[in-house]
Amino acid sequence: MSLTQQMVDLCFREETDPGPPAAWTPLTDDDYVALTERLMEEIGDEPLWIFAYGSLIWKPGFDSVACQRATAYGWHRSFSLRIERGRGSPDQPGLMMMLSRGGRCDGVIYRVADHDKREQIEKALRRELSNKDSLTTFRFLPVRTEDGDTIPALTFWAGGDSPRIIRPLMPLEQVAPILARACGHRGSCAEYLYNTVVHLAEFGIRDRNLWRLQELVAKEVETMHGRETNQPAIVDTSPSNG
């Protein structure tokens, strides 16, 4: 990889949480309960799998009992979701990943315990959805496992009509400068990209666009910070406590 942890660290800065935009209509507890019941009806007695293609891989926010690689055909990763909170700010908006139409997306599916579906669905909903503009962005997608089986998997931020979705898709050359500069109270967009690429690699997944994007972001960071990116890493040789 061209993008390193040292480069990612240079992209971090302290930011205060600006809070949700005034125009947002937040979801209520009753909304989450109703959405959970709807999804419970849709999945019925079938096993519940949740498809992860980005941060859900390395920070799911729900409990699972098994995982495996799977592919969603007809969709691909894109940095098309504008954010001004979390990993972006009103002064320096960032971009987060979602699934856009076309191509294929190799990711990971996590199985939820059959007795625990209702609680884990609500956990996932609360992690991924915070306001009513996101209600069209989640669905059960058919994904194909490595065994060749096609199963439905709950997927977040796949299409939809949220006003935060940028259309048409931005070229990677335009995405990279944004990711290299955007940071919010939860961290930077560069960190998000880095963690996603690293954790995909642990499952043997190398997304061509993300690999190219991390190279472009690394170049942006080098341009912005110059010699700081070339400093040797400091190795701690003190005894370890385990």
Protein backbone atom coordinates (compact mmCIF):
# COMPACT_ATOMS: atom_id res chain seq x y z
CA MET A 1 0.00 0.00 0.00
CA SER A 2 1.06 3.56 -0.66
CA LEU A 3 -1.12 5.02 2.11
CA THR A 4 0.45 4.34 5.50
CA GLN A 5 -0.64 4.72 9.11
CA GLN A 6 1.87 7.56 9.43
CA MET A 7 0.19 9.42 6.58
CA VAL A 8 -3.23 8.78 8.08
CA ASP A 9 -2.07 10.22 11.40
CA LEU A 10 -1.07 13.43 9.61
CA CYS A 11 -4.65 13.83 8.37
CA PHE A 12 -6.10 13.92 11.88
CA ARG A 13 -7.00 17.12 13.66
CA GLU A 14 -9.24 17.88 16.59
CA GLU A 15 -12.74 18.87 15.50
CA THR A 16 -15.82 19.63 17.54
CA ASP A 17 -19.10 17.90 16.83
CA PRO A 18 -21.33 20.42 15.00
CA GLY A 19 -24.41 18.32 15.74
CA PRO A 20 -26.99 17.24 13.15
CA PRO A 21 -28.02 19.75 10.48
CA ALA A 22 -31.13 21.74 11.33
CA ALA A 23 -32.89 20.43 8.21
CA TRP A 24 -32.63 16.80 9.34
CA THR A 25 -35.63 14.98 10.77
CA PRO A 26 -34.14 12.53 13.27
CA LEU A 27 -35.49 9.03 13.63
CA THR A 28 -37.32 8.34 16.89
CA ASP A 29 -37.30 5.22 19.03
CA ASP A 30 -40.70 4.37 17.57
CA ASP A 31 -39.25 4.70 14.06
CA TYR A 32 -36.48 2.23 14.84
CA VAL A 33 -38.96 -0.24 16.32
CA ALA A 34 -41.23 0.02 13.25
CA LEU A 35 -38.31 -0.42 10.84
CA THR A 36 -37.06 -3.41 12.82
CA GLU A 37 -40.48 -5.05 12.67
CA ARG A 38 -40.66 -4.46 8.92
CA LEU A 39 -37.31 -6.14 8.35
CA MET A 40 -38.24 -8.98 10.68
CA GLU A 41 -41.31 -9.63 8.54
CA GLU A 42 -39.24 -9.51 5.34
CA ILE A 43 -36.67 -12.04 6.55
CA GLY A 44 -39.19 -14.26 8.32
CA ASP A 45 -37.70 -17.57 9.46
CA GLU A 46 -34.71 -17.33 7.11
CA PRO A 47 -31.22 -16.78 8.55
CA LEU A 48 -30.28 -13.11 8.88
CA TRP A 49 -27.07 -12.08 7.14
CA ILE A 50 -25.78 -8.50 7.02
CA PHE A 51 -23.57 -7.46 4.10
CA ALA A 52 -20.49 -5.39 5.00
CA TYR A 53 -18.43 -3.60 2.36
CA GLY A 54 -16.89 -0.74 4.35
CA SER A 55 -16.64 0.12 8.03
CA LEU A 56 -19.11 -2.60 9.05
CA ILE A 57 -16.26 -5.03 8.33
CA TRP A 58 -14.03 -3.60 11.02
CA LYS A 59 -16.56 -1.91 13.32
CA PRO A 60 -19.91 -3.63 12.87
CA GLY A 61 -21.77 -2.38 15.92
CA PHE A 62 -23.87 -5.55 16.07
CA ASP A 63 -23.22 -9.10 17.24
CA SER A 64 -22.72 -12.03 14.86
CA VAL A 65 -21.99 -15.74 15.08
CA ALA A 66 -20.33 -16.36 11.68
CA CYS A 67 -18.91 -14.54 8.68
CA GLN A 68 -17.78 -15.32 5.14
CA ARG A 69 -16.96 -13.61 1.87
CA ALA A 70 -19.80 -12.80 -0.50
CA THR A 71 -20.39 -10.78 -3.66
CA ALA A 72 -23.17 -8.36 -4.55
CA TYR A 73 -23.58 -8.25 -8.32
CA GLY A 74 -24.91 -5.12 -9.96
CA TRP A 75 -23.41 -2.83 -7.30
CA HIS A 76 -20.01 -1.30 -6.60
CA ARG A 77 -18.37 0.83 -3.92
CA SER A 78 -18.33 4.58 -4.49
CA PHE A 79 -17.45 7.57 -2.34
CA SER A 80 -20.71 9.34 -3.10
CA LEU A 81 -22.17 10.24 0.29
CA ARG A 82 -21.47 13.81 1.37
CA ILE A 83 -20.93 14.22 5.11
CA GLU A 84 -20.48 17.31 7.28
CA ARG A 85 -20.27 15.44 10.57
CA GLY A 86 -18.35 12.43 11.87
CA ARG A 87 -15.44 12.31 9.40
CA GLY A 88 -16.17 15.67 7.82
CA SER A 89 -17.17 19.16 8.91
CA PRO A 90 -19.28 22.02 7.54
CA ASP A 91 -16.06 23.83 6.56
CA GLN A 92 -14.45 20.74 5.01
CA PRO A 93 -17.13 18.19 4.02
CA GLY A 94 -16.04 14.63 3.51
CA LEU A 95 -17.21 11.62 1.54
CA MET A 96 -18.25 8.21 2.77
CA MET A 97 -18.76 4.99 0.84
CA MET A 98 -22.04 3.62 -0.38
CA LEU A 99 -23.08 1.17 -3.07
CA SER A 100 -23.91 2.55 -6.50
CA ARG A 101 -25.41 0.71 -9.45
CA GLY A 102 -23.21 -1.33 -11.76
CA GLY A 103 -20.34 -3.77 -11.50
CA ARG A 104 -19.78 -6.01 -8.48
CA CYS A 105 -18.82 -5.62 -4.87
CA ASP A 106 -16.86 -8.24 -2.95
CA GLY A 107 -17.48 -7.96 0.76
CA VAL A 108 -18.24 -9.90 3.92
CA ILE A 109 -21.53 -11.20 5.26
CA TYR A 110 -22.13 -11.63 8.98
CA ARG A 111 -24.74 -14.02 10.32
CA VAL A 112 -26.84 -13.03 13.29
CA ALA A 113 -27.98 -15.64 15.82
CA ASP A 114 -31.51 -16.77 15.01
CA HIS A 115 -32.78 -15.97 18.51
CA ASP A 116 -31.26 -12.49 18.43
CA LYS A 117 -32.39 -11.09 15.07
CA ARG A 118 -34.69 -8.37 16.37
CA GLU A 119 -32.12 -6.84 18.75
CA GLN A 120 -29.26 -6.97 16.25
CA ILE A 121 -31.34 -5.49 13.43
CA GLU A 122 -32.18 -2.52 15.62
CA LYS A 123 -28.51 -2.15 16.60
CA ALA A 124 -27.52 -2.07 12.94
CA LEU A 125 -30.27 0.41 12.09
CA ARG A 126 -29.21 2.76 14.86
CA ARG A 127 -25.61 2.57 13.70
CA GLU A 128 -26.35 3.25 10.05
CA LEU A 129 -29.43 5.48 10.01
CA SER A 130 -29.98 8.63 12.00
CA ASN A 131 -32.51 10.66 10.04
CA LYS A 132 -35.39 10.23 7.64
CA ASP A 133 -33.44 11.14 4.50
CA SER A 134 -31.78 7.70 4.73
CA LEU A 135 -34.95 5.59 4.73
CA THR A 136 -34.59 4.61 1.07
CA THR A 137 -30.98 3.50 1.35
CA PHE A 138 -31.21 0.04 2.95
CA ARG A 139 -32.59 -3.21 1.59
CA PHE A 140 -32.09 -6.94 1.34
CA LEU A 141 -29.70 -7.58 -1.55
CA PRO A 142 -29.05 -10.98 -3.11
CA VAL A 143 -25.41 -11.88 -2.56
CA ARG A 144 -23.48 -14.92 -3.75
CA THR A 145 -21.32 -16.85 -1.33
CA GLU A 146 -18.07 -18.62 -2.18
CA ASP A 147 -20.05 -21.88 -2.19
CA GLY A 148 -22.18 -20.53 -5.02
CA ASP A 149 -25.33 -20.03 -2.94
CA THR A 150 -27.39 -16.88 -3.43
CA ILE A 151 -28.89 -15.51 -0.22
CA PRO A 152 -30.52 -12.24 0.88
CA ALA A 153 -28.36 -9.96 3.03
CA LEU A 154 -29.38 -6.76 4.76
CA THR A 155 -27.36 -3.95 3.16
CA PHE A 156 -27.09 -0.29 4.12
CA TRP A 157 -26.50 2.68 1.86
CA ALA A 158 -27.27 0.88 -1.39
CA GLY A 159 -28.82 3.40 -3.76
CA GLY A 160 -31.68 5.55 -2.50
CA ASP A 161 -32.65 9.17 -2.96
CA SER A 162 -30.99 10.90 -0.01
CA PRO A 163 -30.09 14.52 -0.88
CA ARG A 164 -26.60 13.78 0.45
CA ILE A 165 -25.88 11.36 -2.40
CA ILE A 166 -23.71 12.96 -5.07
CA ARG A 167 -24.64 12.22 -8.67
CA PRO A 168 -23.12 11.62 -11.14
CA LEU A 169 -20.24 9.64 -9.65
CA MET A 170 -17.10 11.65 -9.04
CA PRO A 171 -13.83 10.54 -10.69
CA LEU A 172 -11.29 9.11 -8.25
CA GLU A 173 -8.99 12.03 -9.03
CA GLN A 174 -11.61 14.38 -7.55
CA VAL A 175 -12.42 12.13 -4.61
CA ALA A 176 -8.82 11.79 -3.40
CA PRO A 177 -8.22 15.47 -2.45
CA ILE A 178 -11.42 15.45 -0.41
CA LEU A 179 -10.49 12.29 1.49
CA ALA A 180 -6.99 13.61 2.19
CA ARG A 181 -8.36 16.79 3.79
CA ALA A 182 -11.68 15.98 5.45
CA CYS A 183 -11.76 15.27 9.17
CA GLY A 184 -14.45 15.38 11.84
CA HIS A 185 -14.89 14.63 15.51
CA ARG A 186 -14.80 10.87 14.79
CA GLY A 187 -11.64 10.94 12.68
CA SER A 188 -10.54 11.53 9.11
CA CYS A 189 -11.76 10.22 5.78
CA ALA A 190 -8.20 9.05 5.07
CA GLU A 191 -8.38 6.84 8.17
CA TYR A 192 -11.71 5.42 6.98
CA LEU A 193 -10.24 4.55 3.57
CA TYR A 194 -7.10 3.06 5.11
CA ASN A 195 -8.98 0.86 7.57
CA THR A 196 -11.33 -0.36 4.87
CA VAL A 197 -8.55 -1.37 2.48
CA VAL A 198 -6.53 -3.05 5.24
CA HIS A 199 -9.45 -5.06 6.58
CA LEU A 200 -10.65 -6.07 3.12
CA ALA A 201 -7.15 -7.44 2.52
CA GLU A 202 -7.52 -9.64 5.59
CA PHE A 203 -10.35 -11.40 3.74
CA GLY A 204 -8.31 -11.58 0.53
CA ILE A 205 -10.32 -8.79 -1.12
CA ARG A 206 -8.58 -6.16 -3.21
CA ASP A 207 -11.00 -3.64 -4.65
CA ARG A 208 -9.44 -2.13 -7.76
CA ASN A 209 -10.94 1.34 -7.28
CA LEU A 210 -10.08 1.52 -3.58
CA TRP A 211 -6.53 0.41 -4.31
CA ARG A 212 -6.13 3.18 -6.86
CA LEU A 213 -7.78 5.65 -4.50
CA GLN A 214 -5.40 4.93 -1.63
CA GLU A 215 -2.50 5.62 -4.00
CA LEU A 216 -4.03 8.97 -4.98
CA VAL A 217 -4.74 9.91 -1.37
CA ALA A 218 -1.16 9.05 -0.42
CA LYS A 219 0.11 11.42 -3.11
CA GLU A 220 -2.19 14.17 -1.82
CA VAL A 221 -0.91 13.71 1.73
CA GLU A 222 2.68 13.80 0.50
CA THR A 223 1.96 17.04 -1.35
CA MET A 224 0.30 18.57 1.70
CA HIS A 225 2.81 17.46 4.34
CA GLY A 226 6.01 16.98 2.37
CA ARG A 227 8.97 15.70 4.37
CA GLU A 228 6.81 14.68 7.36
CA THR A 229 5.65 11.60 5.45
CA ASN A 230 9.23 10.44 4.95
CA GLN A 231 10.27 10.42 8.59
CA PRO A 232 11.34 6.94 9.81
CA ALA A 233 8.95 5.21 12.16
CA ILE A 234 9.98 5.19 15.82
CA VAL A 235 10.32 1.63 17.07
CA ASP A 236 9.62 1.07 20.76
CA THR A 237 12.25 -1.34 22.08
CA SER A 238 11.12 -1.20 25.70
CA PRO A 239 9.95 -4.45 27.35
CA SER A 240 6.39 -5.40 26.63
CA ASN A 241 3.83 -6.30 29.25
CA GLY A 242 2.11 -8.64 26.84
